[in-house]
Protein backbone atom coordinates (compact mmCIF):
# COMPACT_ATOMS: atom_id res chain seq x y z
CA MET A 1 71.28 112.37 95.06
CA LYS A 2 74.86 113.62 94.94
CA SER A 3 77.71 111.30 94.09
CA ILE A 4 80.78 112.96 95.54
CA ILE A 5 84.22 111.42 95.87
CA GLU A 6 86.88 112.85 98.15
CA ILE A 7 90.49 112.01 97.27
CA PRO A 8 93.23 112.74 99.83
CA VAL A 9 96.40 113.90 98.05
CA ARG A 10 99.81 115.27 98.96
CA ARG A 11 101.24 118.13 96.90
CA PHE A 12 105.03 118.25 97.03
CA PRO A 13 106.83 121.46 96.02
CA VAL A 14 109.84 120.40 93.96
CA ILE A 15 112.77 122.36 92.54
CA VAL A 16 113.91 120.70 89.31
CA TYR A 17 116.34 121.27 86.47
CA ASP A 18 115.19 120.55 82.91
CA LYS A 19 117.88 118.30 81.40
CA ARG A 20 116.47 118.81 77.88
CA SER A 21 116.80 122.61 78.00
CA THR A 22 119.94 124.62 77.27
CA VAL A 23 118.93 127.19 79.90
CA GLU A 24 120.39 126.26 83.28
CA LEU A 25 117.70 127.69 85.53
CA PRO A 26 115.99 125.76 88.32
CA LEU A 27 112.22 125.46 87.96
CA ALA A 28 109.62 125.32 90.73
CA GLU A 29 107.11 122.56 90.10
CA ASN A 30 104.49 120.69 92.11
CA VAL A 31 104.12 116.91 92.13
CA THR A 32 100.77 115.66 93.40
CA LEU A 33 100.37 112.08 94.58
CA SER A 34 97.32 110.38 96.04
CA LYS A 35 97.52 108.79 99.43
CA GLN A 36 96.97 105.39 97.75
CA GLN A 37 99.96 105.94 95.44
CA LEU A 38 102.17 106.72 98.43
CA GLN A 39 100.91 103.65 100.32
CA ALA A 40 101.60 101.43 97.30
CA ALA A 41 105.12 102.84 97.06
CA MET A 42 105.72 102.06 100.74
CA VAL A 43 104.64 98.45 100.16
CA CYS A 44 107.28 98.27 97.40
CA GLY A 45 109.88 99.73 99.76
CA LEU A 46 110.07 103.17 98.12
CA SER A 47 109.97 106.49 99.94
CA SER A 48 107.98 109.46 98.67
CA ASN A 49 111.25 111.14 97.64
CA GLU A 50 112.22 108.12 95.53
CA VAL A 51 108.81 108.09 93.82
CA ILE A 52 108.99 111.81 93.05
CA THR A 53 112.55 111.47 91.73
CA ARG A 54 111.49 108.62 89.42
CA ILE A 55 108.48 110.57 88.12
CA CYS A 56 110.59 113.65 87.41
CA GLU A 57 113.38 111.66 85.73
CA LYS A 58 110.87 110.00 83.39
CA LYS A 59 109.77 113.48 82.30
CA GLY A 60 113.36 114.66 81.72
CA TYR A 61 113.92 116.60 84.95
CA LYS A 62 116.64 116.32 87.57
CA VAL A 63 115.39 116.87 91.12
CA LEU A 64 117.35 119.45 93.11
CA GLU A 65 115.10 119.75 96.17
CA ILE A 66 111.84 118.26 97.48
CA GLY A 67 109.87 120.28 100.02
CA THR A 68 107.35 119.39 102.70
CA PRO A 69 104.02 118.29 101.21
CA ASP A 70 100.70 120.07 101.63
CA LYS A 71 97.78 117.85 102.59
CA VAL A 72 94.85 118.52 100.27
CA THR A 73 91.50 116.80 99.76
CA LEU A 74 90.13 116.90 96.23
CA THR A 75 86.35 116.76 95.86
CA VAL A 76 84.84 115.45 92.63
CA ASP A 77 81.12 115.69 91.88
CA LEU A 78 80.51 112.67 89.64
CA ASP A 79 77.01 113.77 88.57
CA ALA A 80 78.23 117.15 87.33
CA LEU A 81 81.21 115.54 85.63
CA ALA A 82 79.02 112.97 83.85
CA TRP A 83 76.59 115.65 82.59
CA LYS A 84 79.48 117.77 81.37
CA GLU A 85 80.87 114.78 79.46
CA LEU A 86 77.48 113.98 77.92
CA GLU A 87 77.06 117.58 76.72
CA ALA A 88 80.46 117.58 74.98
């Protein structure tokens, strides 16, 4: 019997500037949020852009641009993951 979980996520392409670095080059990063995280943010009155900005600022980045998200579904096989963990 397979135990598979599917997690719908949104991957946002983000252009950021590293405030900790002396090099002033923009960096291309991806911020991935689950659909549940985005729904929780909406309940709190936050937009996806505000959530991404807060996440990046906590890590020392300044957001320059947030792109359109890609919709992705992650598939996790719990049986394989559990066996892998037991072998380690």
